[in-house]
Amino acid sequence: MAWSNWSGSVTAPADITRPTGEDELAALVRGAAKVRATGAGHSFMPLCQSDDLILGLDRLAGEMTIAADRQTAHIPAGWSIKRLTAALWDEGLALANQGDVNPQSLAGAMATGTHGTGTDLGSLATMARGFRLIGADGEARWCNAEAEPELYQAQRLSLGMFGIATEIEVAVVPAFHLAERIEKRRWDEVRESYDELAGAHRHIEFWFFPHADHVILKTLEPCDPCDPPQSTADMEETAFRRVLDVAARLPFLTPWLQRGMMRTGFEGHRRGPAHAIFPSDRTIRFEEMEYEMPRAVGLEALSEVVGWIRRKRLPVTFPFEYRTVAADDIWMSPMNAGPVAAISMHQYAKMPWAAHFSAAEAIFRAHGGRPHWAKRHTLTRDDVDALYPMAERYRTVRRAADPHGKFLNPHLEALFS
């Protein structure tokens, strides 16, 4: 059966091979001409696409081990974020932050710079302290800040080009609980006060339907221990799916439908273990583009894109998502030039998206934006060089780790060969 990503827009004729042991994995890598690894398929770019060997690591044998100081843990790289955070919780530990979905593999989320939201919190890749890799020669090696430091620095956001990660040492924190608050606010009010709001909450984000005048504001704060919440996601997603299906048939109704939705509640409170509160269910398929903007211009860029959609009355059916992420020092991270505002643009998978994304991308690029590597973008090799001063050093490490390009596919070859 052919491989497909989560949204169904990227496919490959190869089936997924799922080794159960590291020796089997090493033999597969050693004998293949080309190799890509995949997790939950949440990349919208063709990062995992291959006509040759595609590896899934979710059945690979391995156990979590906690360091004596309880500040790090060694985790099987193919574990999902959901499995990992549940296992950490049983040990009284947690990740400092997560994204808003949790099916992705740990290795895939780190390899693409996946992140949550929080002014002082970085991407999942910033939590990596070391990697066990099966190289292009089938040999296992460990890299961290002391052992093979150049390989480690590149591997922190690797796009899967430096080897197959089988184990990752991850920074962890004591387990904590979160209180979630969702409320409806006027867009002009949030735009005016966002910096103040972001400074007052550990986590903050909002969703903005481009044809409406209100946003859905979400904040998360640490709270006293409590039981996991009951989920109402099925009811909420069923109602939203009905609206989207109407818009897909009658796209000219999109502005009216969005304003109608925002006249409903969109308010609520939940409390529970952090790993149960961070993620949300995502069963409605969509396409996504995300750009990381310099934090100072994020709201301006969002306003410009929304203004363009309104003037054209474009049927962009999903809300924009707006988050904040701390700066880091990772070579190919969109956050390595300073703190960012992450703006995600989505479109229902049943509706056209490419032309809308292309026009919005030009606006984001004009504001100094850099794309999330796993979300839709049109970067060229020259763009990569212009946006990332460490790009050629990154390529040098890649050539040393994989001189024959075993871990490249056509998409990555065009950018990094």
Protein backbone atom coordinates (compact mmCIF):
# COMPACT_ATOMS: atom_id res chain seq x y z
CA MET A 1 0.00 0.00 0.00
CA ALA A 2 1.36 3.42 -0.95
CA TRP A 3 2.54 5.83 1.75
CA SER A 4 0.64 9.09 2.31
CA ASN A 5 1.08 12.00 4.66
CA TRP A 6 -1.68 12.94 7.11
CA SER A 7 -3.47 15.39 4.81
CA GLY A 8 -3.27 13.11 1.78
CA SER A 9 -1.47 15.68 -0.39
CA VAL A 10 1.94 13.94 -0.41
CA THR A 11 2.17 10.31 -1.51
CA ALA A 12 4.82 7.77 -2.47
CA PRO A 13 4.58 4.32 -4.04
CA ALA A 14 6.73 2.73 -1.34
CA ASP A 15 5.16 1.03 1.66
CA ILE A 16 6.53 1.69 5.15
CA THR A 17 9.02 -0.85 6.50
CA ARG A 18 8.89 -1.14 10.30
CA PRO A 19 11.94 -2.85 11.80
CA THR A 20 11.65 -4.18 15.34
CA GLY A 21 15.34 -4.16 16.31
CA GLU A 22 18.36 -1.94 15.73
CA ASP A 23 20.32 -4.67 13.95
CA GLU A 24 17.47 -5.11 11.48
CA LEU A 25 17.28 -1.35 11.03
CA ALA A 26 21.02 -1.07 10.42
CA ALA A 27 20.91 -3.84 7.80
CA LEU A 28 18.04 -2.12 5.99
CA VAL A 29 19.91 1.19 5.93
CA ARG A 30 23.16 -0.45 4.84
CA GLY A 31 21.50 -2.23 1.93
CA ALA A 32 19.34 0.61 0.61
CA ALA A 33 20.23 3.13 -2.07
CA LYS A 34 17.91 5.77 -0.60
CA VAL A 35 16.27 5.95 2.83
CA ARG A 36 13.73 8.25 4.44
CA ALA A 37 12.07 7.89 7.84
CA THR A 38 8.51 8.86 8.69
CA GLY A 39 6.48 9.29 11.85
CA ALA A 40 2.82 10.28 11.85
CA GLY A 41 3.06 11.99 8.46
CA HIS A 42 2.24 15.45 9.78
CA SER A 43 4.70 17.12 7.40
CA PHE A 44 2.94 18.92 4.56
CA MET A 45 6.16 19.18 2.55
CA PRO A 46 7.57 16.07 0.81
CA LEU A 47 10.16 15.45 3.53
CA CYS A 48 9.39 11.73 3.81
CA GLN A 49 8.55 11.12 0.17
CA SER A 50 10.62 8.38 -1.47
CA ASP A 51 10.41 5.79 -4.23
CA ASP A 52 12.79 3.59 -2.25
CA LEU A 53 12.92 2.66 1.45
CA ILE A 54 10.63 4.48 3.91
CA LEU A 55 11.18 3.50 7.53
CA GLY A 56 8.75 3.71 10.43
CA LEU A 57 10.31 3.42 13.90
CA ASP A 58 7.18 3.04 16.02
CA ARG A 59 7.77 -0.73 16.48
CA LEU A 60 11.50 -0.49 17.16
CA ALA A 61 12.38 -2.05 20.52
CA GLY A 62 13.50 0.38 23.21
CA GLU A 63 12.82 1.65 26.70
CA MET A 64 12.82 5.02 28.39
CA THR A 65 15.55 5.54 30.99
CA ILE A 66 15.63 8.45 33.43
CA ALA A 67 18.95 10.06 34.43
CA ALA A 68 19.88 9.93 38.12
CA ASP A 69 19.43 13.70 38.44
CA ARG A 70 15.98 13.45 36.76
CA GLN A 71 16.82 16.32 34.43
CA THR A 72 17.09 14.24 31.26
CA ALA A 73 15.69 11.01 29.87
CA HIS A 74 16.80 8.72 27.05
CA ILE A 75 13.76 8.13 24.82
CA PRO A 76 13.21 5.80 21.84
CA ALA A 77 13.15 8.20 18.91
CA GLY A 78 10.16 6.56 17.22
CA TRP A 79 7.84 7.02 20.19
CA SER A 80 4.96 9.39 19.63
CA ILE A 81 4.75 12.55 21.73
CA LYS A 82 1.57 11.06 23.20
CA ARG A 83 3.30 7.86 24.28
CA LEU A 84 6.36 9.73 25.55
CA THR A 85 4.48 12.26 27.67
CA ALA A 86 2.27 9.57 29.22
CA ALA A 87 5.38 7.56 30.14
CA LEU A 88 7.07 10.63 31.61
CA TRP A 89 3.94 11.42 33.63
CA ASP A 90 4.07 7.98 35.23
CA GLU A 91 7.58 8.90 36.40
CA GLY A 92 6.52 12.31 37.74
CA LEU A 93 8.11 14.14 34.80
CA ALA A 94 7.05 16.13 31.73
CA LEU A 95 8.26 18.06 28.71
CA ALA A 96 8.49 21.78 29.43
CA ASN A 97 6.29 22.48 26.41
CA GLN A 98 4.43 20.71 23.60
CA GLY A 99 2.65 21.54 20.40
CA ASP A 100 -1.11 21.38 20.04
CA VAL A 101 -1.17 17.84 18.60
CA ASN A 102 0.68 14.79 19.89
CA PRO A 103 0.67 11.90 17.33
CA GLN A 104 4.03 12.99 15.85
CA SER A 105 7.13 10.94 16.55
CA LEU A 106 9.69 12.52 18.87
CA ALA A 107 12.37 12.30 16.17
CA GLY A 108 10.16 13.86 13.51
CA ALA A 109 8.98 16.71 15.72
CA MET A 110 12.54 17.61 16.67
CA ALA A 111 13.90 17.17 13.14
CA THR A 112 11.50 19.80 11.78
CA GLY A 113 11.60 22.38 14.58
CA THR A 114 8.05 21.70 15.78
CA HIS A 115 7.02 23.92 18.69
CA GLY A 116 4.27 25.00 21.03
CA THR A 117 3.67 28.50 22.31
CA GLY A 118 5.28 30.49 25.10
CA THR A 119 7.33 33.67 25.12
CA ASP A 120 10.16 32.03 27.07
CA LEU A 121 9.84 28.51 25.64
CA GLY A 122 11.66 27.13 22.60
CA SER A 123 10.87 24.39 20.11
CA LEU A 124 11.10 20.69 20.96
CA ALA A 125 14.51 20.65 19.25
CA THR A 126 15.90 22.88 22.03
CA MET A 127 15.23 20.02 24.48
CA ALA A 128 17.55 17.57 22.67
CA ARG A 129 20.79 16.79 24.52
CA GLY A 130 22.10 13.90 22.42
CA PHE A 131 21.24 11.46 19.63
CA ARG A 132 22.00 7.83 18.79
CA LEU A 133 22.11 7.65 14.98
CA ILE A 134 22.33 4.84 12.47
CA GLY A 135 24.52 6.34 9.78
CA ALA A 136 24.54 5.79 6.04
CA ASP A 137 27.08 2.97 6.59
CA GLY A 138 24.70 1.20 8.98
CA GLU A 139 26.92 1.92 11.99
CA ALA A 140 25.56 3.38 15.23
CA ARG A 141 27.12 6.52 16.71
CA TRP A 142 26.31 8.89 19.56
CA CYS A 143 26.54 12.65 19.20
CA ASN A 144 26.10 15.43 21.73
CA ALA A 145 27.78 18.71 22.63
CA GLU A 146 30.99 16.85 23.58
CA ALA A 147 31.00 13.83 21.26
CA GLU A 148 30.91 14.79 17.55
CA PRO A 149 29.65 18.30 18.35
CA GLU A 150 29.33 19.42 14.70
CA LEU A 151 27.09 16.45 13.90
CA TYR A 152 25.07 17.15 17.04
CA GLN A 153 24.55 20.81 16.14
CA ALA A 154 23.30 19.88 12.67
CA GLN A 155 21.21 16.96 13.94
CA ARG A 156 19.25 19.18 16.36
CA LEU A 157 17.14 20.23 13.36
CA SER A 158 18.13 17.63 10.82
CA LEU A 159 15.23 17.15 8.40
CA GLY A 160 16.29 13.50 8.56
CA MET A 161 19.49 13.99 6.54
CA PHE A 162 22.22 12.89 8.96
CA GLY A 163 21.12 9.38 9.91
CA ILE A 164 18.20 7.50 11.44
CA ALA A 165 17.75 8.50 15.08
CA THR A 166 16.95 5.56 17.34
CA GLU A 167 17.35 7.23 20.74
CA ILE A 168 17.30 10.84 21.91
CA GLU A 169 18.41 12.29 25.22
CA VAL A 170 15.79 14.88 26.15
CA ALA A 171 15.64 17.57 28.83
CA VAL A 172 12.66 17.01 31.15
CA VAL A 173 11.05 18.87 34.06
CA PRO A 174 8.95 17.87 37.08
CA ALA A 175 5.36 17.00 36.13
CA PHE A 176 2.90 19.89 36.31
CA HIS A 177 -0.79 20.67 35.76
CA LEU A 178 -2.31 23.33 33.56
CA ALA A 179 -5.48 25.42 33.57
CA GLU A 180 -6.77 26.29 30.10
CA ARG A 181 -8.99 29.31 29.46
CA ILE A 182 -10.61 29.99 26.08
CA GLU A 183 -12.50 33.19 25.44
CA LYS A 184 -13.67 35.38 22.60
CA ARG A 185 -12.04 38.81 22.28
CA ARG A 186 -12.24 41.57 19.71
CA TRP A 187 -9.36 41.46 17.22
CA ASP A 188 -8.52 45.14 17.62
CA GLU A 189 -8.38 44.72 21.41
CA VAL A 190 -6.06 41.69 21.21
CA ARG A 191 -3.83 43.37 18.68
CA GLU A 192 -3.45 46.38 20.94
CA SER A 193 -2.76 44.42 24.13
CA TYR A 194 -1.03 41.25 22.88
CA ASP A 195 2.44 42.03 24.24
CA GLU A 196 0.97 42.67 27.66
CA LEU A 197 -1.08 39.46 27.49
CA ALA A 198 1.92 37.42 26.35
CA GLY A 199 3.95 38.72 29.26
CA ALA A 200 1.23 37.77 31.74
CA HIS A 201 0.76 34.12 30.71
CA ARG A 202 3.09 31.12 30.42
CA HIS A 203 1.34 30.10 27.21
CA ILE A 204 -0.85 32.18 24.93
CA GLU A 205 -2.19 31.86 21.40
CA PHE A 206 -5.21 32.87 19.38
CA TRP A 207 -7.16 31.75 16.33
CA PHE A 208 -8.48 34.32 13.90
CA PHE A 209 -11.08 33.61 11.21
CA PRO A 210 -10.09 36.19 8.58
CA HIS A 211 -13.64 37.34 7.83
CA ALA A 212 -14.64 37.82 11.49
CA ASP A 213 -13.93 40.65 13.93
CA HIS A 214 -13.22 38.53 17.02
CA VAL A 215 -10.46 36.06 17.84
CA ILE A 216 -10.50 32.92 20.00
CA LEU A 217 -7.91 33.55 22.70
CA LYS A 218 -6.36 30.62 24.60
CA THR A 219 -4.13 30.85 27.66
CA LEU A 220 -2.52 28.14 29.78
CA GLU A 221 -1.26 28.62 33.31
CA PRO A 222 0.22 26.16 35.85
CA CYS A 223 -2.35 25.15 38.48
CA ASP A 224 -2.85 22.85 41.44
CA PRO A 225 -3.07 19.10 40.77
CA CYS A 226 -6.39 17.91 39.34
CA ASP A 227 -7.94 15.10 37.34
CA PRO A 228 -7.84 14.89 33.53
CA PRO A 229 -10.70 16.74 31.79
CA GLN A 230 -13.47 15.25 29.72
CA SER A 231 -13.14 15.99 26.02
CA THR A 232 -15.79 17.79 23.98
CA ALA A 233 -13.68 17.81 20.82
CA ASP A 234 -15.91 15.37 18.90
CA MET A 235 -18.96 17.66 19.15
CA GLU A 236 -16.98 20.78 18.32
CA GLU A 237 -15.23 19.23 15.31
CA THR A 238 -18.48 17.76 13.95
CA ALA A 239 -20.11 21.21 13.92
CA PHE A 240 -17.03 22.81 12.32
CA ARG A 241 -16.88 20.07 9.67
CA ARG A 242 -20.46 20.85 8.65
CA VAL A 243 -19.56 24.52 8.20
CA LEU A 244 -16.50 23.59 6.15
CA ASP A 245 -18.47 21.27 3.90
CA VAL A 246 -20.94 24.06 3.18
CA ALA A 247 -18.05 26.40 2.35
CA ALA A 248 -16.51 23.78 0.07
CA ARG A 249 -19.75 23.56 -1.92
CA LEU A 250 -20.57 27.28 -1.76
CA PRO A 251 -17.27 29.12 -1.17
CA PHE A 252 -18.85 32.58 -1.58
CA LEU A 253 -20.62 31.97 1.75
CA THR A 254 -17.34 31.75 3.67
CA PRO A 255 -17.39 35.31 5.10
CA TRP A 256 -20.98 34.92 6.28
CA LEU A 257 -20.31 31.46 7.77
CA GLN A 258 -17.30 32.70 9.73
CA ARG A 259 -19.11 35.68 11.18
CA GLY A 260 -21.96 33.36 12.13
CA MET A 261 -19.62 30.93 13.91
CA MET A 262 -18.06 33.73 15.92
CA ARG A 263 -21.48 34.75 17.25
CA THR A 264 -21.52 31.44 19.16
CA GLY A 265 -19.74 30.68 22.44
CA PHE A 266 -16.08 29.75 21.94
CA GLU A 267 -15.49 29.99 25.67
CA GLY A 268 -14.45 27.33 28.13
CA HIS A 269 -12.19 26.17 30.93
CA ARG A 270 -10.26 22.94 31.45
CA ARG A 271 -7.77 21.77 34.05
CA GLY A 272 -5.61 18.67 34.16
CA PRO A 273 -2.17 17.11 33.72
CA ALA A 274 -0.10 19.19 31.30
CA HIS A 275 0.24 16.41 28.73
CA ALA A 276 -3.58 16.08 28.61
CA ILE A 277 -4.16 19.84 28.24
CA PHE A 278 -1.51 20.81 25.66
CA PRO A 279 -2.83 18.76 22.71
CA SER A 280 -6.14 18.97 20.89
CA ASP A 281 -7.77 16.40 18.61
CA ARG A 282 -7.29 17.05 14.90
CA THR A 283 -9.54 14.87 12.75
CA ILE A 284 -10.47 17.39 10.04
CA ARG A 285 -7.86 17.23 7.26
CA PHE A 286 -6.28 20.47 6.13
CA GLU A 287 -3.22 21.91 4.40
CA GLU A 288 -0.97 24.25 6.36
CA MET A 289 1.67 26.90 5.80
CA GLU A 290 3.46 28.43 8.78
CA TYR A 291 5.88 31.35 8.85
CA GLU A 292 8.00 32.45 11.77
CA MET A 293 8.15 36.25 11.82
CA PRO A 294 10.35 38.53 13.89
CA ARG A 295 8.17 39.01 16.94
CA ALA A 296 8.04 42.80 16.54
CA VAL A 297 6.29 42.58 13.14
CA GLY A 298 4.08 39.51 13.64
CA LEU A 299 0.79 41.28 14.26
CA GLU A 300 1.45 43.70 11.42
CA ALA A 301 2.08 40.80 9.02
CA LEU A 302 -1.08 39.02 10.15
CA SER A 303 -3.12 42.21 9.71
CA GLU A 304 -1.81 42.63 6.16
CA VAL A 305 -2.65 39.05 5.16
CA VAL A 306 -6.13 39.25 6.69
CA GLY A 307 -6.76 42.58 4.98
CA TRP A 308 -5.82 41.07 1.62
CA ILE A 309 -8.18 38.09 2.18
CA ARG A 310 -11.03 40.40 3.11
CA ARG A 311 -10.56 42.70 0.13
CA LYS A 312 -10.58 39.72 -2.24
CA ARG A 313 -13.36 37.93 -0.27
CA LEU A 314 -11.27 34.78 -0.53
CA PRO A 315 -12.71 31.50 0.80
CA VAL A 316 -9.98 30.84 3.37
CA THR A 317 -12.07 28.65 5.63
CA PHE A 318 -9.78 27.84 8.59
CA PRO A 319 -8.64 30.36 11.17
CA PHE A 320 -5.08 31.65 11.35
CA GLU A 321 -3.18 30.49 14.43
CA TYR A 322 -0.83 32.95 16.16
CA ARG A 323 1.79 31.81 18.69
CA THR A 324 5.06 33.02 20.23
CA VAL A 325 8.31 31.06 20.44
CA ALA A 326 11.60 31.89 22.15
CA ALA A 327 14.89 32.36 20.31
CA ASP A 328 17.40 29.53 20.01
CA ASP A 329 20.88 28.84 18.61
CA ILE A 330 20.07 25.91 16.29
CA TRP A 331 21.71 26.27 12.89
CA MET A 332 18.65 25.77 10.67
CA SER A 333 15.96 26.91 13.11
CA PRO A 334 13.61 29.74 12.09
CA MET A 335 14.02 30.96 15.67
CA ASN A 336 17.80 31.37 15.59
CA ALA A 337 17.72 35.10 14.76
CA GLY A 338 15.56 36.02 17.76
CA PRO A 339 12.12 35.45 19.29
CA VAL A 340 9.33 34.95 16.78
CA ALA A 341 5.63 35.14 16.18
CA ALA A 342 4.53 31.93 14.46
CA ILE A 343 1.64 32.48 12.03
CA SER A 344 -0.08 29.35 10.71
CA MET A 345 -2.40 29.56 7.70
CA HIS A 346 -4.67 26.59 7.02
CA GLN A 347 -7.12 25.55 4.35
CA TYR A 348 -9.67 22.72 4.31
CA ALA A 349 -8.16 19.78 2.41
CA LYS A 350 -11.21 19.61 0.11
CA MET A 351 -10.66 23.19 -1.11
CA PRO A 352 -7.96 24.88 -3.24
CA TRP A 353 -5.04 26.18 -1.22
CA ALA A 354 -1.92 26.63 -3.37
CA ALA A 355 -2.70 30.07 -4.85
CA HIS A 356 -3.81 31.47 -1.48
CA PHE A 357 -0.66 30.18 0.24
CA SER A 358 1.60 31.54 -2.50
CA ALA A 359 0.24 35.07 -2.20
CA ALA A 360 0.32 35.00 1.60
CA GLU A 361 3.87 33.64 1.55
CA ALA A 362 5.03 36.71 -0.36
CA ILE A 363 3.61 38.93 2.40
CA PHE A 364 5.26 36.87 5.13
CA ARG A 365 8.61 36.89 3.31
CA ALA A 366 8.38 40.67 2.90
CA HIS A 367 8.17 40.95 6.68
CA GLY A 368 11.32 38.89 7.21
CA GLY A 369 9.56 35.58 7.76
CA ARG A 370 11.11 32.12 7.54
CA PRO A 371 8.94 29.01 7.09
CA HIS A 372 8.42 26.03 9.32
CA TRP A 373 10.31 23.31 7.45
CA ALA A 374 7.43 20.82 7.59
CA LYS A 375 4.73 23.25 6.46
CA ARG A 376 4.07 24.43 2.90
CA HIS A 377 6.72 26.76 1.47
CA THR A 378 8.50 27.47 -1.80
CA LEU A 379 12.07 28.15 -0.64
CA THR A 380 14.87 27.63 -3.17
CA ARG A 381 18.52 26.87 -2.44
CA ASP A 382 19.33 30.58 -2.86
CA ASP A 383 16.58 31.46 -0.38
CA VAL A 384 18.03 29.01 2.16
CA ASP A 385 21.47 30.61 1.79
CA ALA A 386 20.04 34.11 2.19
CA LEU A 387 17.97 33.23 5.26
CA TYR A 388 20.44 30.96 7.07
CA PRO A 389 24.08 32.05 7.51
CA MET A 390 25.01 28.53 8.70
CA ALA A 391 23.51 26.79 5.66
CA GLU A 392 26.79 25.89 3.97
CA ARG A 393 28.35 24.65 7.20
CA TYR A 394 25.22 22.51 7.65
CA ARG A 395 25.73 21.10 4.14
CA THR A 396 29.39 20.37 4.90
CA VAL A 397 28.40 18.29 7.94
CA ARG A 398 25.73 16.54 5.87
CA ARG A 399 28.24 15.59 3.16
CA ALA A 400 30.61 14.19 5.79
CA ALA A 401 27.81 12.16 7.43
CA ASP A 402 26.28 10.95 4.16
CA PRO A 403 28.71 11.46 1.25
CA HIS A 404 26.55 9.58 -1.27
CA GLY A 405 23.25 11.26 -0.37
CA LYS A 406 21.51 8.14 0.93
CA PHE A 407 19.22 10.20 3.18
CA LEU A 408 18.30 12.78 0.50
CA ASN A 409 15.19 12.84 -1.64
CA PRO A 410 14.58 15.22 -4.58
CA HIS A 411 13.05 17.93 -2.37
CA LEU A 412 15.97 17.95 0.06
CA GLU A 413 18.57 17.47 -2.64
CA ALA A 414 17.47 20.70 -4.31
CA LEU A 415 18.04 22.60 -1.06
CA PHE A 416 20.96 20.83 0.63
CA SER A 417 22.94 18.60 -1.76
